[in-house]
Amino acid sequence: KLKEGTIWNEDGNEVSWYPTEERPEFPGGQ
């Protein structure tokens, strides 16, 4: 289970966190 995360851009600046992988989703969900 993810507890916390940090992401940096190529310039070394922190950016908004996003998941490593996201599955495709039908419009409106399952």
Full PDB file with SEQRES, HELIX, SHEET, SSBOND, CRYST1, ORIGX, SCALE, CONECT and MASTER records, all heavy atoms in Angstrom:
SEQRES   1 A   30  LYS LEU LYS GLU GLY THR ILE TRP ASN GLU ASP GLY ASN          
SEQRES   2 A   30  GLU VAL SER TRP TYR PRO THR GLU GLU ARG PRO GLU PHE          
SEQRES   3 A   30  PRO GLY GLY GLN                                              
CRYST1    1.000    1.000    1.000  90.00  90.00  90.00 P 1           1          
ORIGX1      1.000000  0.000000  0.000000        0.00000                         
ORIGX2      0.000000  1.000000  0.000000        0.00000                         
ORIGX3      0.000000  0.000000  1.000000        0.00000                         
SCALE1      1.000000  0.000000  0.000000        0.00000                         
SCALE2      0.000000  1.000000  0.000000        0.00000                         
SCALE3      0.000000  0.000000  1.000000        0.00000                         
ATOM      1  N   LYS A   1       0.851  -1.195   0.000  1.00  0.00           N  
ATOM      2  CA  LYS A   1       0.000   0.000   0.000  1.00  0.00           C  
ATOM      3  C   LYS A   1       0.886   1.243   0.000  1.00  0.00           C  
ATOM      4  O   LYS A   1       1.799   1.364   0.808  1.00  0.00           O  
ATOM      5  CB  LYS A   1      -0.922   0.017   1.204  1.00  0.00           C  
ATOM      6  CG  LYS A   1      -1.905  -1.143   1.216  1.00  0.00           C  
ATOM      7  CD  LYS A   1      -3.139  -0.774   1.994  1.00  0.00           C  
ATOM      8  CE  LYS A   1      -4.119  -1.910   2.151  1.00  0.00           C  
ATOM      9  NZ  LYS A   1      -4.482  -2.652   1.044  1.00  0.00           N  
ATOM     10  N   LEU A   2       0.574   2.170  -0.930  1.00  0.00           N  
ATOM     11  CA  LEU A   2       1.323   3.413  -1.011  1.00  0.00           C  
ATOM     12  C   LEU A   2       1.049   4.263   0.220  1.00  0.00           C  
ATOM     13  O   LEU A   2      -0.106   4.500   0.582  1.00  0.00           O  
ATOM     14  CB  LEU A   2       0.924   4.183  -2.276  1.00  0.00           C  
ATOM     15  CG  LEU A   2       1.581   5.546  -2.442  1.00  0.00           C  
ATOM     16  CD1 LEU A   2       3.062   5.383  -2.772  1.00  0.00           C  
ATOM     17  CD2 LEU A   2       0.886   6.331  -3.524  1.00  0.00           C  
ATOM     18  N   LYS A   3       2.102   4.712   0.863  1.00  0.00           N  
ATOM     19  CA  LYS A   3       1.964   5.567   2.045  1.00  0.00           C  
ATOM     20  C   LYS A   3       2.231   7.028   1.699  1.00  0.00           C  
ATOM     21  O   LYS A   3       1.556   7.921   2.202  1.00  0.00           O  
ATOM     22  CB  LYS A   3       2.914   5.112   3.162  1.00  0.00           C  
ATOM     23  CG  LYS A   3       2.561   3.731   3.696  1.00  0.00           C  
ATOM     24  CD  LYS A   3       1.161   3.735   4.256  1.00  0.00           C  
ATOM     25  CE  LYS A   3       0.716   2.388   4.741  1.00  0.00           C  
ATOM     26  NZ  LYS A   3      -0.660   2.342   5.158  1.00  0.00           N  
ATOM     27  N   GLU A   4       3.216   7.288   0.881  1.00  0.00           N  
ATOM     28  CA  GLU A   4       3.513   8.650   0.433  1.00  0.00           C  
ATOM     29  C   GLU A   4       4.414   8.578  -0.793  1.00  0.00           C  
ATOM     30  O   GLU A   4       5.034   7.562  -1.060  1.00  0.00           O  
ATOM     31  CB  GLU A   4       4.161   9.479   1.535  1.00  0.00           C  
ATOM     32  CG  GLU A   4       5.502   8.946   2.014  1.00  0.00           C  
ATOM     33  CD  GLU A   4       6.092   9.782   3.127  1.00  0.00           C  
ATOM     34  OE1 GLU A   4       6.774  10.781   2.804  1.00  0.00           O  
ATOM     35  OE2 GLU A   4       5.867   9.442   4.291  1.00  0.00           O  
ATOM     36  N   GLY A   5       4.448   9.679  -1.531  1.00  0.00           N  
ATOM     37  CA  GLY A   5       5.276   9.698  -2.722  1.00  0.00           C  
ATOM     38  C   GLY A   5       5.625  11.120  -3.137  1.00  0.00           C  
ATOM     39  O   GLY A   5       4.892  12.065  -2.848  1.00  0.00           O  
ATOM     40  N   THR A   6       6.769  11.227  -3.803  1.00  0.00           N  
ATOM     41  CA  THR A   6       7.243  12.517  -4.300  1.00  0.00           C  
ATOM     42  C   THR A   6       7.766  12.310  -5.712  1.00  0.00           C  
ATOM     43  O   THR A   6       8.406  11.298  -6.001  1.00  0.00           O  
ATOM     44  CB  THR A   6       8.375  13.069  -3.407  1.00  0.00           C  
ATOM     45  OG1 THR A   6       7.937  13.074  -2.058  1.00  0.00           O  
ATOM     46  CG2 THR A   6       8.774  14.469  -3.824  1.00  0.00           C  
ATOM     47  N   ILE A   7       7.488  13.282  -6.586  1.00  0.00           N  
ATOM     48  CA  ILE A   7       7.957  13.215  -7.970  1.00  0.00           C  
ATOM     49  C   ILE A   7       8.647  14.535  -8.305  1.00  0.00           C  
ATOM     50  O   ILE A   7       8.186  15.607  -7.899  1.00  0.00           O  
ATOM     51  CB  ILE A   7       6.785  12.969  -8.942  1.00  0.00           C  
ATOM     52  CG1 ILE A   7       6.073  11.661  -8.597  1.00  0.00           C  
ATOM     53  CG2 ILE A   7       7.273  12.938 -10.390  1.00  0.00           C  
ATOM     54  CD1 ILE A   7       4.844  11.378  -9.428  1.00  0.00           C  
ATOM     55  N   TRP A   8       9.750  14.439  -9.075  1.00  0.00           N  
ATOM     56  CA  TRP A   8      10.485  15.609  -9.518  1.00  0.00           C  
ATOM     57  C   TRP A   8      10.530  15.639 -11.041  1.00  0.00           C  
ATOM     58  O   TRP A   8      10.594  14.589 -11.684  1.00  0.00           O  
ATOM     59  CB  TRP A   8      11.918  15.575  -8.990  1.00  0.00           C  
ATOM     60  CG  TRP A   8      12.000  15.595  -7.503  1.00  0.00           C  
ATOM     61  CD1 TRP A   8      12.084  16.695  -6.704  1.00  0.00           C  
ATOM     62  CD2 TRP A   8      12.003  14.470  -6.614  1.00  0.00           C  
ATOM     63  NE1 TRP A   8      12.134  16.328  -5.381  1.00  0.00           N  
ATOM     64  CE2 TRP A   8      12.090  14.962  -5.299  1.00  0.00           C  
ATOM     65  CE3 TRP A   8      11.942  13.089  -6.804  1.00  0.00           C  
ATOM     66  CZ2 TRP A   8      12.122  14.134  -4.188  1.00  0.00           C  
ATOM     67  CZ3 TRP A   8      11.969  12.271  -5.702  1.00  0.00           C  
ATOM     68  CH2 TRP A   8      12.054  12.786  -4.403  1.00  0.00           C  
ATOM     69  N   ASN A   9      10.506  16.824 -11.627  1.00  0.00           N  
ATOM     70  CA  ASN A   9      10.666  16.935 -13.081  1.00  0.00           C  
ATOM     71  C   ASN A   9      12.152  16.868 -13.427  1.00  0.00           C  
ATOM     72  O   ASN A   9      13.005  16.761 -12.531  1.00  0.00           O  
ATOM     73  CB  ASN A   9       9.989  18.194 -13.635  1.00  0.00           C  
ATOM     74  CG  ASN A   9      10.601  19.486 -13.132  1.00  0.00           C  
ATOM     75  OD1 ASN A   9      11.723  19.523 -12.624  1.00  0.00           O  
ATOM     76  ND2 ASN A   9       9.853  20.568 -13.257  1.00  0.00           N  
ATOM     77  N   GLU A  10      12.469  16.965 -14.705  1.00  0.00           N  
ATOM     78  CA  GLU A  10      13.867  16.840 -15.143  1.00  0.00           C  
ATOM     79  C   GLU A  10      14.741  17.984 -14.652  1.00  0.00           C  
ATOM     80  O   GLU A  10      15.964  17.859 -14.636  1.00  0.00           O  
ATOM     81  CB  GLU A  10      13.929  16.724 -16.666  1.00  0.00           C  
ATOM     82  CG  GLU A  10      13.321  15.410 -17.142  1.00  0.00           C  
ATOM     83  CD  GLU A  10      13.462  15.210 -18.632  1.00  0.00           C  
ATOM     84  OE1 GLU A  10      14.605  15.223 -19.127  1.00  0.00           O  
ATOM     85  OE2 GLU A  10      12.421  15.036 -19.284  1.00  0.00           O  
ATOM     86  N   ASP A  11      14.133  19.091 -14.230  1.00  0.00           N  
ATOM     87  CA  ASP A  11      14.895  20.215 -13.682  1.00  0.00           C  
ATOM     88  C   ASP A  11      15.131  20.069 -12.182  1.00  0.00           C  
ATOM     89  O   ASP A  11      15.750  20.930 -11.560  1.00  0.00           O  
ATOM     90  CB  ASP A  11      14.144  21.533 -13.939  1.00  0.00           C  
ATOM     91  CG  ASP A  11      14.018  21.839 -15.420  1.00  0.00           C  
ATOM     92  OD1 ASP A  11      14.930  21.467 -16.192  1.00  0.00           O  
ATOM     93  OD2 ASP A  11      12.994  22.433 -15.809  1.00  0.00           O  
ATOM     94  N   GLY A  12      14.580  18.997 -11.580  1.00  0.00           N  
ATOM     95  CA  GLY A  12      14.758  18.761 -10.154  1.00  0.00           C  
ATOM     96  C   GLY A  12      13.701  19.409  -9.286  1.00  0.00           C  
ATOM     97  O   GLY A  12      13.789  19.374  -8.062  1.00  0.00           O  
ATOM     98  N   ASN A  13      12.674  19.997  -9.917  1.00  0.00           N  
ATOM     99  CA  ASN A  13      11.596  20.630  -9.160  1.00  0.00           C  
ATOM    100  C   ASN A  13      10.492  19.622  -8.852  1.00  0.00           C  
ATOM    101  O   ASN A  13      10.121  18.828  -9.714  1.00  0.00           O  
ATOM    102  CB  ASN A  13      11.003  21.797  -9.947  1.00  0.00           C  
ATOM    103  CG  ASN A  13      12.030  22.875 -10.221  1.00  0.00           C  
ATOM    104  OD1 ASN A  13      12.783  23.264  -9.326  1.00  0.00           O  
ATOM    105  ND2 ASN A  13      12.088  23.338 -11.450  1.00  0.00           N  
ATOM    106  N   GLU A  14       9.964  19.690  -7.631  1.00  0.00           N  
ATOM    107  CA  GLU A  14       8.882  18.786  -7.243  1.00  0.00           C  
ATOM    108  C   GLU A  14       7.620  19.118  -8.041  1.00  0.00           C  
ATOM    109  O   GLU A  14       7.287  20.276  -8.251  1.00  0.00           O  
ATOM    110  CB  GLU A  14       8.608  18.909  -5.749  1.00  0.00           C  
ATOM    111  CG  GLU A  14       7.704  17.832  -5.210  1.00  0.00           C  
ATOM    112  CD  GLU A  14       7.604  17.852  -3.690  1.00  0.00           C  
ATOM    113  OE1 GLU A  14       8.612  18.146  -3.020  1.00  0.00           O  
ATOM    114  OE2 GLU A  14       6.499  17.573  -3.192  1.00  0.00           O  
ATOM    115  N   VAL A  15       6.925  18.064  -8.503  1.00  0.00           N  
ATOM    116  CA  VAL A  15       5.682  18.219  -9.258  1.00  0.00           C  
ATOM    117  C   VAL A  15       4.580  17.419  -8.579  1.00  0.00           C  
ATOM    118  O   VAL A  15       4.840  16.626  -7.680  1.00  0.00           O  
ATOM    119  CB  VAL A  15       5.843  17.764 -10.735  1.00  0.00           C  
ATOM    120  CG1 VAL A  15       6.858  18.633 -11.463  1.00  0.00           C  
ATOM    121  CG2 VAL A  15       6.240  16.300 -10.821  1.00  0.00           C  
ATOM    122  N   SER A  16       3.342  17.618  -9.028  1.00  0.00           N  
ATOM    123  CA  SER A  16       2.206  16.892  -8.456  1.00  0.00           C  
ATOM    124  C   SER A  16       2.386  15.392  -8.645  1.00  0.00           C  
ATOM    125  O   SER A  16       2.786  14.932  -9.716  1.00  0.00           O  
ATOM    126  CB  SER A  16       0.900  17.329  -9.124  1.00  0.00           C  
ATOM    127  OG  SER A  16       0.659  18.679  -8.889  1.00  0.00           O  
ATOM    128  N   TRP A  17       2.043  14.643  -7.619  1.00  0.00           N  
ATOM    129  CA  TRP A  17       2.175  13.188  -7.653  1.00  0.00           C  
ATOM    130  C   TRP A  17       1.139  12.582  -8.596  1.00  0.00           C  
ATOM    131  O   TRP A  17       0.009  13.067  -8.687  1.00  0.00           O  
ATOM    132  CB  TRP A  17       1.998  12.614  -6.247  1.00  0.00           C  
ATOM    133  CG  TRP A  17       2.270  11.149  -6.179  1.00  0.00           C  
ATOM    134  CD1 TRP A  17       3.469  10.559  -5.920  1.00  0.00           C  
ATOM    135  CD2 TRP A  17       1.335  10.088  -6.373  1.00  0.00           C  
ATOM    136  NE1 TRP A  17       3.343   9.195  -5.949  1.00  0.00           N  
ATOM    137  CE2 TRP A  17       2.030   8.880  -6.235  1.00  0.00           C  
ATOM    138  CE3 TRP A  17      -0.013  10.039  -6.673  1.00  0.00           C  
ATOM    139  CZ2 TRP A  17       1.431   7.645  -6.369  1.00  0.00           C  
ATOM    140  CZ3 TRP A  17      -0.614   8.804  -6.804  1.00  0.00           C  
ATOM    141  CH2 TRP A  17       0.103   7.626  -6.649  1.00  0.00           C  
ATOM    142  N   TYR A  18       1.497  11.518  -9.304  1.00  0.00           N  
ATOM    143  CA  TYR A  18       0.584  10.745 -10.145  1.00  0.00           C  
ATOM    144  C   TYR A  18       0.973   9.277 -10.029  1.00  0.00           C  
ATOM    145  O   TYR A  18       2.124   8.958  -9.725  1.00  0.00           O  
ATOM    146  CB  TYR A  18       0.620  11.225 -11.608  1.00  0.00           C  
ATOM    147  CG  TYR A  18       2.010  11.271 -12.208  1.00  0.00           C  
ATOM    148  CD1 TYR A  18       2.610  10.129 -12.743  1.00  0.00           C  
ATOM    149  CD2 TYR A  18       2.728  12.454 -12.225  1.00  0.00           C  
ATOM    150  CE1 TYR A  18       3.879  10.166 -13.284  1.00  0.00           C  
ATOM    151  CE2 TYR A  18       4.001  12.498 -12.772  1.00  0.00           C  
ATOM    152  CZ  TYR A  18       4.575  11.357 -13.300  1.00  0.00           C  
ATOM    153  OH  TYR A  18       5.837  11.396 -13.839  1.00  0.00           O  
ATOM    154  N   PRO A  19       0.024   8.362 -10.265  1.00  0.00           N  
ATOM    155  CA  PRO A  19       0.341   6.932 -10.136  1.00  0.00           C  
ATOM    156  C   PRO A  19       1.348   6.478 -11.193  1.00  0.00           C  
ATOM    157  O   PRO A  19       1.387   7.033 -12.296  1.00  0.00           O  
ATOM    158  CB  PRO A  19      -0.997   6.227 -10.364  1.00  0.00           C  
ATOM    159  CG  PRO A  19      -2.017   7.284 -10.535  1.00  0.00           C  
ATOM    160  CD  PRO A  19      -1.357   8.605 -10.587  1.00  0.00           C  
ATOM    161  N   THR A  20       2.115   5.455 -10.867  1.00  0.00           N  
ATOM    162  CA  THR A  20       3.082   4.906 -11.808  1.00  0.00           C  
ATOM    163  C   THR A  20       2.357   4.311 -13.008  1.00  0.00           C  
ATOM    164  O   THR A  20       2.766   4.499 -14.143  1.00  0.00           O  
ATOM    165  CB  THR A  20       3.930   3.804 -11.134  1.00  0.00           C  
ATOM    166  OG1 THR A  20       4.546   4.362  -9.981  1.00  0.00           O  
ATOM    167  CG2 THR A  20       4.986   3.282 -12.066  1.00  0.00           C  
ATOM    168  N   GLU A  21       1.273   3.588 -12.762  1.00  0.00           N  
ATOM    169  CA  GLU A  21       0.487   2.981 -13.836  1.00  0.00           C  
ATOM    170  C   GLU A  21      -0.994   3.244 -13.591  1.00  0.00           C  
ATOM    171  O   GLU A  21      -1.464   3.172 -12.457  1.00  0.00           O  
ATOM    172  CB  GLU A  21       0.714   1.473 -13.908  1.00  0.00           C  
ATOM    173  CG  GLU A  21       2.096   1.097 -14.350  1.00  0.00           C  
ATOM    174  CD  GLU A  21       2.273  -0.408 -14.481  1.00  0.00           C  
ATOM    175  OE1 GLU A  21       1.472  -1.174 -13.928  1.00  0.00           O  
ATOM    176  OE2 GLU A  21       3.244  -0.815 -15.135  1.00  0.00           O  
ATOM    177  N   GLU A  22      -1.700   3.557 -14.681  1.00  0.00           N  
ATOM    178  CA  GLU A  22      -3.152   3.716 -14.624  1.00  0.00           C  
ATOM    179  C   GLU A  22      -3.758   2.842 -15.702  1.00  0.00           C  
ATOM    180  O   GLU A  22      -3.311   2.870 -16.851  1.00  0.00           O  
ATOM    181  CB  GLU A  22      -3.548   5.178 -14.870  1.00  0.00           C  
ATOM    182  CG  GLU A  22      -3.101   6.121 -13.794  1.00  0.00           C  
ATOM    183  CD  GLU A  22      -3.474   7.561 -14.114  1.00  0.00           C  
ATOM    184  OE1 GLU A  22      -4.678   7.829 -14.292  1.00  0.00           O  
ATOM    185  OE2 GLU A  22      -2.563   8.391 -14.204  1.00  0.00           O  
ATOM    186  N   ARG A  23      -4.754   2.092 -15.347  1.00  0.00           N  
ATOM    187  CA  ARG A  23      -5.436   1.216 -16.298  1.00  0.00           C  
ATOM    188  C   ARG A  23      -6.385   2.043 -17.165  1.00  0.00           C  
ATOM    189  O   ARG A  23      -6.915   3.046 -16.715  1.00  0.00           O  
ATOM    190  CB  ARG A  23      -6.216   0.147 -15.550  1.00  0.00           C  
ATOM    191  CG  ARG A  23      -5.326  -0.735 -14.670  1.00  0.00           C  
ATOM    192  CD  ARG A  23      -6.159  -1.675 -13.829  1.00  0.00           C  
ATOM    193  NE  ARG A  23      -6.845  -2.661 -14.611  1.00  0.00           N  
ATOM    194  CZ  ARG A  23      -6.357  -3.863 -14.903  1.00  0.00           C  
ATOM    195  NH1 ARG A  23      -5.189  -4.205 -14.453  1.00  0.00           N  
ATOM    196  NH2 ARG A  23      -7.053  -4.708 -15.622  1.00  0.00           N  
ATOM    197  N   PRO A  24      -6.634   1.575 -18.396  1.00  0.00           N  
ATOM    198  CA  PRO A  24      -7.643   2.253 -19.216  1.00  0.00           C  
ATOM    199  C   PRO A  24      -9.004   2.140 -18.537  1.00  0.00           C  
ATOM    200  O   PRO A  24      -9.254   1.197 -17.783  1.00  0.00           O  
ATOM    201  CB  PRO A  24      -7.661   1.453 -20.516  1.00  0.00           C  
ATOM    202  CG  PRO A  24      -6.464   0.593 -20.493  1.00  0.00           C  
ATOM    203  CD  PRO A  24      -6.053   0.426 -19.071  1.00  0.00           C  
ATOM    204  N   GLU A  25      -9.878   3.107 -18.813  1.00  0.00           N  
ATOM    205  CA  GLU A  25     -11.205   3.051 -18.203  1.00  0.00           C  
ATOM    206  C   GLU A  25     -12.273   3.449 -19.216  1.00  0.00           C  
ATOM    207  O   GLU A  25     -12.135   4.446 -19.924  1.00  0.00           O  
ATOM    208  CB  GLU A  25     -11.278   3.980 -16.991  1.00  0.00           C  
ATOM    209  CG  GLU A  25     -12.598   3.854 -16.259  1.00  0.00           C  
ATOM    210  CD  GLU A  25     -12.639   4.667 -14.981  1.00  0.00           C  
ATOM    211  OE1 GLU A  25     -12.517   5.886 -15.052  1.00  0.00           O  
ATOM    212  OE2 GLU A  25     -12.806   4.053 -13.919  1.00  0.00           O  
ATOM    213  N   PHE A  26     -13.319   2.649 -19.270  1.00  0.00           N  
ATOM    214  CA  PHE A  26     -14.482   2.941 -20.095  1.00  0.00           C  
ATOM    215  C   PHE A  26     -15.124   4.216 -19.546  1.00  0.00           C  
ATOM    216  O   PHE A  26     -15.142   4.422 -18.335  1.00  0.00           O  
ATOM    217  CB  PHE A  26     -15.465   1.765 -20.021  1.00  0.00           C  
ATOM    218  CG  PHE A  26     -16.633   1.872 -20.953  1.00  0.00           C  
ATOM    219  CD1 PHE A  26     -16.525   1.467 -22.279  1.00  0.00           C  
ATOM    220  CD2 PHE A  26     -17.837   2.384 -20.505  1.00  0.00           C  
ATOM    221  CE1 PHE A  26     -17.611   1.559 -23.140  1.00  0.00           C  
ATOM    222  CE2 PHE A  26     -18.931   2.490 -21.360  1.00  0.00           C  
ATOM    223  CZ  PHE A  26     -18.807   2.070 -22.684  1.00  0.00           C  
ATOM    224  N   PRO A  27     -15.669   5.093 -20.424  1.00  0.00           N  
ATOM    225  CA  PRO A  27     -16.296   6.319 -19.917  1.00  0.00           C  
ATOM    226  C   PRO A  27     -17.402   6.004 -18.906  1.00  0.00           C  
ATOM    227  O   PRO A  27     -18.329   5.281 -19.220  1.00  0.00           O  
ATOM    228  CB  PRO A  27     -16.891   6.976 -21.159  1.00  0.00           C  
ATOM    229  CG  PRO A  27     -16.358   6.249 -22.330  1.00  0.00           C  
ATOM    230  CD  PRO A  27     -15.775   4.955 -21.864  1.00  0.00           C  
ATOM    231  N   GLY A  28     -17.260   6.502 -17.702  1.00  0.00           N  
ATOM    232  CA  GLY A  28     -18.243   6.242 -16.654  1.00  0.00           C  
ATOM    233  C   GLY A  28     -17.873   5.069 -15.769  1.00  0.00           C  
ATOM    234  O   GLY A  28     -18.570   4.771 -14.808  1.00  0.00           O  
ATOM    235  N   GLY A  29     -16.794   4.355 -16.108  1.00  0.00           N  
ATOM    236  CA  GLY A  29     -16.317   3.267 -15.264  1.00  0.00           C  
ATOM    237  C   GLY A  29     -16.904   1.903 -15.586  1.00  0.00           C  
ATOM    238  O   GLY A  29     -17.572   1.694 -16.601  1.00  0.00           O  
ATOM    239  N   GLN A  30     -16.654   0.959 -14.701  1.00  0.00           N  
ATOM    240  CA  GLN A  30     -17.037  -0.443 -14.894  1.00  0.00           C  
ATOM    241  C   GLN A  30     -18.550  -0.625 -14.994  1.00  0.00           C  
ATOM    242  O   GLN A  30     -19.036  -1.395 -15.815  1.00  0.00           O  
ATOM    243  CB  GLN A  30     -16.476  -1.281 -13.737  1.00  0.00           C  
ATOM    244  CG  GLN A  30     -16.548  -2.766 -13.952  1.00  0.00           C  
ATOM    245  CD  GLN A  30     -15.611  -3.244 -15.053  1.00  0.00           C  
ATOM    246  OE1 GLN A  30     -14.674  -2.572 -15.449  1.00  0.00           O  
ATOM    247  NE2 GLN A  30     -15.882  -4.420 -15.575  1.00  0.00           N  
TER     248      GLN A  30                                                      
MASTER        0    0    0    0    0    0    0    6  247    1    0    3          
END                                                                             
